[in-house]
Amino acid sequence: MEQLKIIIAEFFQLKKDTASMEEIAARVHDGSLIKGTNMSILILAIFIASIGLNMNSTAVVIGAMLISPLMGVIMAIGYGMATYDTLYVKKSFFKLIFQVLLSVLASALYFKLSPISTASSELLARTAPTIWDVLIAVFGGLAGIIGITRQEKSNVIPGVAIATALMPPLCTAGYGLAIMSLKFFVGALYLFFINSFFICLASFIVLKIIRVPLKTYVSQAVFNKQRRYLTFIGIIIIVPSIYMAYQSVRINLENSQTKQYINDNFNFNDLQVISYKIRNIDNTLEIVVIGQPLDNRDIDTLTAYLKNYSQLQNFKLKIIQNDYSRTVSKDDVQALIDNKLHEASNNTLISSKDEELKKYKELSINYYPAFLHVNNDKKILSQLNKSVNVLFPKVEKIEGASVLNSDEKGNITAGKFIAVALVKTALLPEEAAKLQKWIMAEAEMPVMLNLQLVDDSKDNIISGNGINW
């Protein structure tokens, strides 16, 4: 057992290739400077990160992370705490405050002047930190300070800079300030505070392990008091992130199970789900549908099925539908779209509102023509199959669909109807011609008719006079 402990200790030995204490102090001091090169690079990193977030470019944001000098000051605070150099801690802390204010205000100015105000996914990703961000900050901070204290410089620091992401949250806070959004401002600053504190804490722990020399002698009581303060602050920071992680997991599970619920249970031929919305305030699952209306019995059955999904058991089902048993009109579809636009316009987040408006405007423009043609085809086929067996006893069933044409203006129209008649016995030419004329009268458009014997019908066939058989 003792031998195993020795082997494990050898694996995680930090003192063997540690740089001299003078060199470590010099590296930390150089990294914490906010003048000259560091100041110039900080300003450049601010605008690079702001542009990357604004244009939703991950590569540009990563570039800003790599060149940002913010980590140096944070590690300097940890170094000052480990050496009990109170003056050094204060100086480093004020340097960090200056860098934070500069980053937030400069990025706010950029976003205020930028013509693009929509929140990108890169911005949204930095508004709700979770316990996983805490873990990233801890592991990143440990890797960073270990890299700085080695004799040989390695590629650890660039990797840590990307993992912990200090500059993007500050620029996101600047975006929140520019658009006056508390969600962006507070959420992003909280993420930055998580990263900063745990990088600082990790630096303090590693520097204590390698026994950096103390600036002044302190008693064990002072050390214990410092440890209690750090533990208390750490708990305060971690608790909200755990709650946010729980919320994130819950939302993902609810969305996943809602999609599964819709796929499993909304299998109606004459009904289509347009959208859904989970309202946690009153535990309501709101589903917008279009097509043949559901009666109360159908809705009760669908509500009962919610019990089969763990995350949806306590939800009430609300179906938003219009009566489309009559001929559907564009006004009917637009009524549902307008309802969603009204909801989007009440959204407090400007950027999200713009995205919702755009989405539902596109839905209004693109969805209606397709729905109208599909709905019309269903009605034609339903009408044909009601009468075909009486008028044409040899015909068992008619399948088909209209062929859509697009003009130079992008207008979609039904050019012709392609019908496949499944017949019990072969029709005479005059019978086939009569059947075609009848289908044309019902469909009110030219008809291309294909006749197939029921016993010989296949799903995959090639037919027509355009083939050199």
Protein backbone atom coordinates (compact mmCIF):
# COMPACT_ATOMS: atom_id res chain seq x y z
CA MET A 1 0.00 0.00 0.00
CA GLU A 2 2.86 2.34 0.88
CA GLN A 3 4.48 1.56 -2.46
CA LEU A 4 1.26 2.46 -4.28
CA LYS A 5 1.16 5.83 -2.53
CA ILE A 6 4.73 6.52 -3.63
CA ILE A 7 3.89 5.63 -7.25
CA ILE A 8 0.79 7.87 -7.24
CA ALA A 9 2.79 10.72 -5.68
CA GLU A 10 5.39 10.36 -8.44
CA PHE A 11 2.68 10.60 -11.10
CA PHE A 12 1.35 13.90 -9.74
CA GLN A 13 4.66 15.39 -8.64
CA LEU A 14 4.59 19.16 -9.26
CA LYS A 15 7.85 20.21 -7.63
CA LYS A 16 10.26 18.24 -9.82
CA ASP A 17 10.27 20.53 -12.89
CA THR A 18 9.13 23.71 -11.15
CA ALA A 19 10.78 26.94 -12.29
CA SER A 20 12.70 29.02 -9.78
CA MET A 21 10.59 31.14 -7.45
CA GLU A 22 12.15 34.30 -8.90
CA GLU A 23 11.17 33.26 -12.44
CA ILE A 24 7.60 32.41 -11.36
CA ALA A 25 7.27 35.82 -9.68
CA ALA A 26 8.62 37.55 -12.79
CA ARG A 27 6.19 35.69 -15.10
CA VAL A 28 3.21 36.53 -12.90
CA HIS A 29 4.27 40.17 -12.65
CA ASP A 30 4.80 40.51 -16.43
CA GLY A 31 1.39 38.96 -17.12
CA SER A 32 -0.36 41.40 -14.79
CA LEU A 33 0.94 44.60 -16.39
CA ILE A 34 -1.72 46.83 -17.98
CA LYS A 35 0.51 49.11 -19.98
CA GLY A 36 2.51 48.88 -23.16
CA THR A 37 2.01 45.65 -25.09
CA ASN A 38 -0.57 44.19 -22.69
CA MET A 39 -2.73 47.31 -22.89
CA SER A 40 -2.62 47.41 -26.69
CA ILE A 41 -3.47 43.72 -26.97
CA LEU A 42 -6.32 44.10 -24.46
CA ILE A 43 -7.98 46.82 -26.57
CA LEU A 44 -7.54 44.78 -29.75
CA ALA A 45 -8.94 41.67 -28.05
CA ILE A 46 -12.02 43.62 -26.92
CA PHE A 47 -12.94 44.65 -30.46
CA ILE A 48 -12.02 41.28 -32.00
CA ALA A 49 -14.27 39.51 -29.47
CA SER A 50 -17.09 42.04 -30.00
CA ILE A 51 -16.97 41.62 -33.77
CA GLY A 52 -16.85 37.83 -33.45
CA LEU A 53 -19.85 37.78 -31.13
CA ASN A 54 -21.73 40.25 -33.33
CA MET A 55 -21.08 38.24 -36.50
CA ASN A 56 -21.58 34.89 -34.71
CA SER A 57 -18.09 33.73 -35.70
CA THR A 58 -16.69 31.10 -33.33
CA ALA A 59 -13.23 31.26 -34.92
CA VAL A 60 -12.95 35.02 -34.35
CA VAL A 61 -14.14 34.69 -30.73
CA ILE A 62 -11.51 31.99 -30.12
CA GLY A 63 -8.88 34.32 -31.56
CA ALA A 64 -9.86 37.01 -29.05
CA MET A 65 -9.62 34.47 -26.22
CA LEU A 66 -6.10 33.50 -27.26
CA ILE A 67 -4.66 37.02 -27.28
CA SER A 68 -6.54 38.42 -24.27
CA PRO A 69 -4.21 39.27 -21.32
CA LEU A 70 -6.97 39.09 -18.69
CA MET A 71 -5.80 35.82 -17.14
CA GLY A 72 -2.47 37.33 -16.07
CA VAL A 73 -4.07 39.76 -13.61
CA ILE A 74 -6.35 37.06 -12.16
CA MET A 75 -3.40 34.74 -11.53
CA ALA A 76 -1.54 37.68 -9.98
CA ILE A 77 -4.33 38.01 -7.40
CA GLY A 78 -3.95 34.30 -6.60
CA TYR A 79 -0.18 34.74 -6.33
CA GLY A 80 -0.58 37.67 -3.93
CA MET A 81 -2.97 35.64 -1.77
CA ALA A 82 -0.59 32.65 -1.72
CA THR A 83 2.35 34.86 -0.65
CA TYR A 84 0.20 36.94 1.73
CA ASP A 85 1.24 40.11 -0.08
CA THR A 86 -1.79 42.29 0.70
CA LEU A 87 -0.53 45.28 -1.26
CA TYR A 88 0.08 43.13 -4.37
CA VAL A 89 -3.43 41.68 -4.11
CA LYS A 90 -4.96 45.18 -3.91
CA LYS A 91 -2.95 46.46 -6.89
CA SER A 92 -3.85 43.40 -8.98
CA PHE A 93 -7.51 43.67 -7.98
CA PHE A 94 -7.72 47.32 -9.08
CA LYS A 95 -6.00 46.38 -12.34
CA LEU A 96 -8.66 43.73 -12.93
CA ILE A 97 -11.47 46.21 -12.20
CA PHE A 98 -9.96 48.63 -14.71
CA GLN A 99 -9.73 45.91 -17.37
CA VAL A 100 -13.31 44.81 -16.73
CA LEU A 101 -14.70 48.36 -16.96
CA LEU A 102 -12.70 49.07 -20.11
CA SER A 103 -13.84 45.83 -21.76
CA VAL A 104 -17.53 46.30 -20.91
CA LEU A 105 -17.70 49.98 -21.88
CA ALA A 106 -15.69 49.59 -25.10
CA SER A 107 -17.79 46.63 -26.24
CA ALA A 108 -20.99 48.49 -25.29
CA LEU A 109 -19.87 51.36 -27.51
CA TYR A 110 -19.20 48.96 -30.38
CA PHE A 111 -22.60 47.26 -30.08
CA LYS A 112 -24.33 50.63 -29.78
CA LEU A 113 -22.83 51.72 -33.10
CA SER A 114 -23.16 48.36 -34.85
CA PRO A 115 -26.07 48.09 -37.33
CA ILE A 116 -26.52 44.43 -36.32
CA SER A 117 -28.39 44.20 -33.02
CA THR A 118 -29.70 40.62 -33.22
CA ALA A 119 -28.36 38.35 -30.48
CA SER A 120 -26.22 35.62 -32.02
CA SER A 121 -25.89 32.12 -30.58
CA GLU A 122 -22.37 33.07 -29.43
CA LEU A 123 -23.88 35.85 -27.29
CA LEU A 124 -26.75 33.74 -25.99
CA ALA A 125 -24.35 30.96 -24.95
CA ARG A 126 -22.80 33.26 -22.34
CA THR A 127 -25.92 34.37 -20.47
CA ALA A 128 -26.73 31.31 -18.33
CA PRO A 129 -23.60 29.82 -16.70
CA THR A 130 -23.96 26.44 -15.01
CA ILE A 131 -21.98 24.14 -12.71
CA TRP A 132 -20.14 22.89 -15.80
CA ASP A 133 -18.68 26.37 -16.27
CA VAL A 134 -17.45 26.17 -12.66
CA LEU A 135 -15.72 22.86 -13.38
CA ILE A 136 -14.16 24.26 -16.57
CA ALA A 137 -12.85 27.26 -14.63
CA VAL A 138 -11.38 25.04 -11.88
CA PHE A 139 -9.66 22.62 -14.24
CA GLY A 140 -8.60 25.43 -16.57
CA GLY A 141 -7.19 27.46 -13.69
CA LEU A 142 -5.23 24.47 -12.38
CA ALA A 143 -3.80 23.77 -15.82
CA GLY A 144 -2.93 27.44 -16.32
CA ILE A 145 -0.99 27.95 -13.10
CA ILE A 146 0.79 24.60 -13.49
CA GLY A 147 1.87 25.71 -16.97
CA ILE A 148 3.18 29.05 -15.70
CA THR A 149 5.23 27.47 -12.91
CA ARG A 150 7.07 24.97 -15.16
CA GLN A 151 10.70 25.35 -16.23
CA GLU A 152 9.84 24.88 -19.89
CA LYS A 153 7.08 26.95 -21.48
CA SER A 154 4.34 24.82 -23.03
CA ASN A 155 1.11 25.20 -25.02
CA VAL A 156 -0.99 24.97 -21.84
CA ILE A 157 -1.81 28.68 -21.55
CA PRO A 158 -3.42 29.07 -25.03
CA GLY A 159 -5.59 26.02 -24.31
CA VAL A 160 -6.62 27.41 -20.94
CA ALA A 161 -7.43 30.78 -22.53
CA ILE A 162 -9.84 29.07 -24.93
CA ALA A 163 -11.39 26.83 -22.28
CA THR A 164 -12.05 29.50 -19.65
CA ALA A 165 -13.12 32.26 -22.08
CA LEU A 166 -12.63 35.48 -20.09
CA MET A 167 -13.03 38.14 -22.79
CA PRO A 168 -16.31 36.98 -24.48
CA PRO A 169 -18.42 37.25 -21.29
CA LEU A 170 -17.27 40.84 -20.74
CA CYS A 171 -18.15 41.76 -24.32
CA THR A 172 -21.50 40.01 -23.90
CA ALA A 173 -22.09 42.16 -20.81
CA GLY A 174 -21.26 45.17 -23.00
CA TYR A 175 -23.90 43.99 -25.47
CA GLY A 176 -26.41 43.77 -22.62
CA LEU A 177 -25.52 47.30 -21.58
CA ALA A 178 -25.91 48.56 -25.16
CA ILE A 179 -29.41 47.08 -25.61
CA MET A 180 -30.38 47.61 -21.94
CA SER A 181 -30.91 43.91 -21.27
CA LEU A 182 -30.43 42.80 -17.66
CA LYS A 183 -30.40 39.15 -18.74
CA PHE A 184 -27.34 39.57 -20.93
CA PHE A 185 -25.55 41.98 -18.58
CA VAL A 186 -25.95 40.05 -15.32
CA GLY A 187 -25.66 36.57 -16.85
CA ALA A 188 -22.42 37.37 -18.68
CA LEU A 189 -20.84 39.12 -15.67
CA TYR A 190 -21.74 36.13 -13.51
CA LEU A 191 -19.95 33.83 -15.97
CA PHE A 192 -16.89 36.10 -15.90
CA PHE A 193 -16.95 36.17 -12.09
CA ILE A 194 -17.13 32.35 -11.97
CA ASN A 195 -14.14 32.02 -14.30
CA SER A 196 -12.13 34.70 -12.47
CA PHE A 197 -12.73 33.39 -8.96
CA PHE A 198 -11.94 29.76 -9.70
CA ILE A 199 -8.87 30.57 -11.79
CA CYS A 200 -7.70 32.67 -8.84
CA LEU A 201 -8.54 29.89 -6.38
CA ALA A 202 -6.77 27.24 -8.49
CA SER A 203 -3.70 29.49 -8.70
CA PHE A 204 -3.72 29.93 -4.93
CA ILE A 205 -3.93 26.16 -4.31
CA VAL A 206 -1.12 25.19 -6.71
CA LEU A 207 1.18 27.97 -5.50
CA LYS A 208 0.60 26.77 -1.94
CA ILE A 209 1.45 23.20 -2.99
CA ILE A 210 4.78 24.24 -4.53
CA ARG A 211 5.42 26.43 -1.46
CA VAL A 212 6.07 29.87 -2.90
CA PRO A 213 7.87 32.01 -0.30
CA LEU A 214 5.65 34.20 1.88
CA LYS A 215 5.97 37.97 1.79
CA THR A 216 5.28 38.10 5.53
CA TYR A 217 4.90 35.39 8.13
CA VAL A 218 1.30 34.55 9.06
CA SER A 219 -0.03 32.30 11.77
CA GLN A 220 -2.06 29.15 11.20
CA ALA A 221 -5.13 31.00 12.49
CA VAL A 222 -4.82 33.60 9.71
CA PHE A 223 -4.41 30.85 7.12
CA ASN A 224 -7.51 29.03 8.44
CA LYS A 225 -9.51 32.28 8.33
CA GLN A 226 -8.45 32.85 4.72
CA ARG A 227 -9.45 29.31 3.82
CA ARG A 228 -12.90 29.78 5.39
CA TYR A 229 -13.46 33.01 3.45
CA LEU A 230 -12.51 31.35 0.17
CA THR A 231 -14.76 28.37 0.89
CA PHE A 232 -17.69 30.64 1.76
CA ILE A 233 -17.28 32.74 -1.41
CA GLY A 234 -16.91 29.58 -3.49
CA ILE A 235 -20.19 28.17 -2.15
CA ILE A 236 -22.02 31.44 -2.84
CA ILE A 237 -20.76 31.38 -6.43
CA ILE A 238 -21.47 27.69 -7.03
CA VAL A 239 -25.07 27.53 -5.73
CA PRO A 240 -26.67 29.68 -8.51
CA SER A 241 -24.71 27.76 -11.16
CA ILE A 242 -26.04 24.44 -9.82
CA TYR A 243 -29.60 25.79 -10.05
CA MET A 244 -28.98 27.01 -13.62
CA ALA A 245 -27.55 23.61 -14.55
CA TYR A 246 -30.67 21.93 -13.16
CA GLN A 247 -32.88 24.31 -15.15
CA SER A 248 -30.87 23.69 -18.32
CA VAL A 249 -31.16 19.90 -17.99
CA ARG A 250 -34.89 20.16 -17.21
CA ILE A 251 -35.58 22.37 -20.24
CA ASN A 252 -33.64 20.03 -22.54
CA LEU A 253 -35.54 17.00 -21.24
CA GLU A 254 -38.90 18.78 -21.56
CA ASN A 255 -38.18 19.78 -25.16
CA SER A 256 -36.93 16.32 -26.06
CA GLN A 257 -39.96 14.58 -24.55
CA THR A 258 -42.37 17.09 -26.11
CA LYS A 259 -40.97 16.34 -29.57
CA GLN A 260 -41.26 12.62 -28.86
CA TYR A 261 -44.82 13.08 -27.56
CA ILE A 262 -45.85 14.91 -30.75
CA ASN A 263 -44.18 12.31 -32.99
CA ASP A 264 -45.84 9.45 -31.12
CA ASN A 265 -49.37 10.79 -30.78
CA PHE A 266 -50.15 13.40 -33.45
CA ASN A 267 -50.38 10.92 -36.32
CA PHE A 268 -53.48 12.35 -37.99
CA ASN A 269 -53.78 12.30 -41.79
CA ASP A 270 -55.68 15.59 -41.91
CA LEU A 271 -53.85 17.45 -39.14
CA GLN A 272 -50.40 18.94 -38.85
CA VAL A 273 -48.54 20.42 -35.88
CA ILE A 274 -47.10 23.88 -36.66
CA SER A 275 -45.39 24.69 -33.38
CA TYR A 276 -45.37 24.06 -29.67
CA LYS A 277 -44.59 26.10 -26.58
CA ILE A 278 -43.81 24.96 -23.04
CA ARG A 279 -45.16 27.36 -20.40
CA ASN A 280 -43.63 26.51 -17.04
CA ILE A 281 -45.43 29.37 -15.29
CA ASP A 282 -48.75 27.52 -15.41
CA ASN A 283 -47.45 24.05 -16.45
CA THR A 284 -49.10 24.19 -19.86
CA LEU A 285 -48.01 22.55 -23.10
CA GLU A 286 -49.42 24.68 -25.92
CA ILE A 287 -49.55 23.03 -29.36
CA VAL A 288 -50.62 24.90 -32.50
CA VAL A 289 -52.20 22.66 -35.15
CA ILE A 290 -53.76 23.21 -38.55
CA GLY A 291 -56.17 20.99 -40.43
CA GLN A 292 -59.28 19.02 -39.46
CA PRO A 293 -60.22 20.15 -35.94
CA LEU A 294 -59.83 17.81 -32.97
CA ASP A 295 -62.93 17.16 -30.88
CA ASN A 296 -62.99 17.09 -27.08
CA ARG A 297 -62.60 13.31 -26.98
CA ASP A 298 -59.42 13.48 -29.07
CA ILE A 299 -58.01 16.23 -26.86
CA ASP A 300 -58.84 14.26 -23.69
CA THR A 301 -57.05 11.22 -25.13
CA LEU A 302 -53.99 13.28 -26.06
CA THR A 303 -53.98 14.83 -22.57
CA ALA A 304 -54.03 11.37 -20.99
CA TYR A 305 -50.97 10.36 -23.06
CA LEU A 306 -48.93 13.07 -21.29
CA LYS A 307 -48.76 10.73 -18.28
CA ASN A 308 -46.47 8.43 -20.28
CA TYR A 309 -43.69 11.06 -20.32
CA SER A 310 -41.90 11.74 -17.04
CA GLN A 311 -41.23 15.44 -17.68
CA LEU A 312 -44.76 16.13 -18.99
CA GLN A 313 -46.85 14.34 -16.35
CA ASN A 314 -47.84 17.53 -14.53
CA PHE A 315 -48.57 19.55 -17.67
CA LYS A 316 -51.96 20.57 -19.02
CA LEU A 317 -52.51 20.33 -22.77
CA LYS A 318 -53.77 23.34 -24.70
CA ILE A 319 -54.56 22.86 -28.40
CA ILE A 320 -54.78 25.99 -30.56
CA GLN A 321 -56.73 25.20 -33.73
CA ASN A 322 -59.17 26.65 -36.26
CA ASP A 323 -62.02 24.90 -38.00
CA TYR A 324 -60.69 23.80 -41.40
CA SER A 325 -63.42 21.34 -42.22
CA ARG A 326 -64.49 23.91 -44.80
CA THR A 327 -62.20 25.11 -47.60
CA VAL A 328 -59.10 26.59 -46.03
CA SER A 329 -58.27 30.21 -46.81
CA LYS A 330 -55.13 32.23 -46.40
CA ASP A 331 -56.89 34.31 -43.76
CA ASP A 332 -57.33 31.17 -41.66
CA VAL A 333 -53.65 30.32 -41.76
CA GLN A 334 -52.73 33.96 -41.21
CA ALA A 335 -54.93 34.00 -38.08
CA LEU A 336 -52.64 31.45 -36.47
CA ILE A 337 -49.54 33.24 -37.70
CA ASP A 338 -50.81 36.58 -36.33
CA ASN A 339 -51.36 34.94 -32.97
CA LYS A 340 -47.70 33.88 -32.87
CA LEU A 341 -46.56 37.31 -34.08
CA HIS A 342 -48.51 38.92 -31.26
CA GLU A 343 -46.77 36.67 -28.74
CA ALA A 344 -43.40 37.51 -30.25
CA SER A 345 -44.08 41.25 -30.18
CA ASN A 346 -44.65 41.04 -26.41
CA ASN A 347 -41.23 39.47 -25.89
CA THR A 348 -39.08 41.67 -23.65
CA LEU A 349 -35.86 40.68 -25.38
CA ILE A 350 -35.51 42.74 -28.54
CA SER A 351 -33.19 40.37 -30.37
CA SER A 352 -35.33 37.34 -29.58
CA LYS A 353 -38.40 39.27 -30.75
CA ASP A 354 -36.75 39.97 -34.09
CA GLU A 355 -35.91 36.29 -34.51
CA GLU A 356 -39.49 35.26 -33.67
CA LEU A 357 -40.98 37.83 -36.04
CA LYS A 358 -38.68 36.67 -38.83
CA LYS A 359 -39.51 33.02 -38.20
CA TYR A 360 -43.26 33.48 -38.24
CA LYS A 361 -43.23 35.86 -41.21
CA GLU A 362 -41.36 33.18 -43.16
CA LEU A 363 -43.91 30.66 -41.93
CA SER A 364 -46.75 32.84 -43.24
CA ILE A 365 -45.09 33.26 -46.63
CA ASN A 366 -43.83 29.71 -47.16
CA TYR A 367 -46.22 27.43 -45.35
CA TYR A 368 -49.60 28.49 -46.69
CA PRO A 369 -49.14 27.65 -50.42
CA ALA A 370 -47.81 24.18 -49.62
CA PHE A 371 -50.59 23.50 -47.13
CA LEU A 372 -53.27 24.73 -49.53
CA HIS A 373 -52.10 22.42 -52.33
CA VAL A 374 -51.79 19.38 -50.07
CA ASN A 375 -55.20 20.08 -48.58
CA ASN A 376 -56.72 20.51 -52.05
CA ASP A 377 -55.17 17.22 -53.26
CA LYS A 378 -56.63 15.38 -50.28
CA LYS A 379 -60.10 16.74 -51.07
CA ILE A 380 -59.82 15.80 -54.75
CA LEU A 381 -58.75 12.23 -53.94
CA SER A 382 -61.41 11.89 -51.27
CA GLN A 383 -64.12 13.00 -53.71
CA LEU A 384 -62.81 10.74 -56.51
CA ASN A 385 -62.65 7.61 -54.36
CA LYS A 386 -66.16 8.16 -53.02
CA SER A 387 -67.69 7.78 -56.50
CA VAL A 388 -65.18 5.89 -58.65
CA ASN A 389 -66.36 2.38 -57.69
CA VAL A 390 -69.93 3.25 -58.65
CA LEU A 391 -69.12 5.01 -61.93
CA PHE A 392 -66.23 2.73 -62.92
CA PRO A 393 -66.64 -0.74 -61.31
CA LYS A 394 -63.30 -1.95 -62.73
CA VAL A 395 -61.41 0.75 -60.79
CA GLU A 396 -60.53 -0.12 -57.20
CA LYS A 397 -58.75 3.05 -56.11
CA ILE A 398 -57.28 6.31 -57.40
CA GLU A 399 -54.05 7.81 -56.07
CA GLY A 400 -52.42 11.04 -57.19
CA ALA A 401 -51.25 14.58 -56.57
CA SER A 402 -51.08 17.90 -58.36
CA VAL A 403 -47.83 19.01 -60.00
CA LEU A 404 -46.74 22.50 -58.91
CA ASN A 405 -45.32 25.12 -61.27
CA SER A 406 -43.42 28.30 -60.38
CA ASP A 407 -43.42 31.42 -62.58
CA GLU A 408 -40.67 34.06 -62.81
CA LYS A 409 -42.16 35.93 -59.84
CA GLY A 410 -42.03 32.84 -57.64
CA ASN A 411 -45.80 32.30 -57.61
CA ILE A 412 -46.75 28.64 -57.14
CA THR A 413 -49.68 27.17 -59.09
CA ALA A 414 -50.99 23.66 -59.74
CA GLY A 415 -50.28 22.91 -63.42
CA LYS A 416 -51.72 19.42 -63.76
CA PHE A 417 -52.93 16.44 -61.76
CA ILE A 418 -51.15 13.09 -62.02
CA ALA A 419 -53.54 10.23 -61.24
CA VAL A 420 -52.74 6.53 -60.81
CA ALA A 421 -55.83 4.31 -61.15
CA LEU A 422 -55.55 0.81 -59.68
CA VAL A 423 -57.86 -1.39 -61.79
CA LYS A 424 -59.11 -4.95 -61.22
CA THR A 425 -59.16 -5.71 -64.96
CA ALA A 426 -57.71 -3.82 -67.91
CA LEU A 427 -59.84 -0.95 -69.25
CA LEU A 428 -60.74 -0.45 -72.87
CA PRO A 429 -59.30 2.73 -74.48
CA GLU A 430 -62.70 4.42 -74.49
CA GLU A 431 -63.19 3.53 -70.79
CA ALA A 432 -59.79 4.99 -69.94
CA ALA A 433 -60.61 8.19 -71.87
CA LYS A 434 -63.94 8.49 -70.06
CA LEU A 435 -62.20 8.00 -66.69
CA GLN A 436 -59.64 10.68 -67.54
CA LYS A 437 -62.35 13.21 -68.50
CA TRP A 438 -64.22 12.50 -65.25
CA ILE A 439 -61.08 13.04 -63.16
CA MET A 440 -60.37 16.28 -65.08
CA ALA A 441 -63.86 17.54 -64.26
CA GLU A 442 -63.41 16.77 -60.56
CA ALA A 443 -59.85 18.13 -60.31
CA GLU A 444 -60.55 21.16 -62.53
CA MET A 445 -57.13 20.87 -64.20
CA PRO A 446 -55.41 18.77 -66.91
CA VAL A 447 -54.89 15.13 -65.87
CA MET A 448 -52.14 12.63 -66.70
CA LEU A 449 -53.62 9.17 -66.09
CA ASN A 450 -51.64 6.01 -65.38
CA LEU A 451 -53.48 2.68 -65.21
CA GLN A 452 -52.15 -0.27 -63.22
CA LEU A 453 -53.59 -3.68 -62.51
CA VAL A 454 -54.08 -4.21 -58.78
CA ASP A 455 -52.25 -7.55 -58.80
CA ASP A 456 -49.35 -6.09 -60.77
CA SER A 457 -49.07 -2.67 -59.13
CA LYS A 458 -45.60 -1.64 -57.93
CA ASP A 459 -44.37 1.31 -55.95
CA ASN A 460 -41.31 1.90 -58.13
CA ILE A 461 -42.11 2.02 -61.86
CA ILE A 462 -40.99 3.95 -64.94
CA SER A 463 -43.63 4.77 -67.55
CA GLY A 464 -44.36 7.20 -70.37
CA ASN A 465 -43.66 7.70 -74.08
CA GLY A 466 -40.40 9.58 -73.46
CA ILE A 467 -38.40 6.34 -73.10
CA ASN A 468 -36.94 4.34 -75.99
CA TRP A 469 -38.12 0.94 -74.81
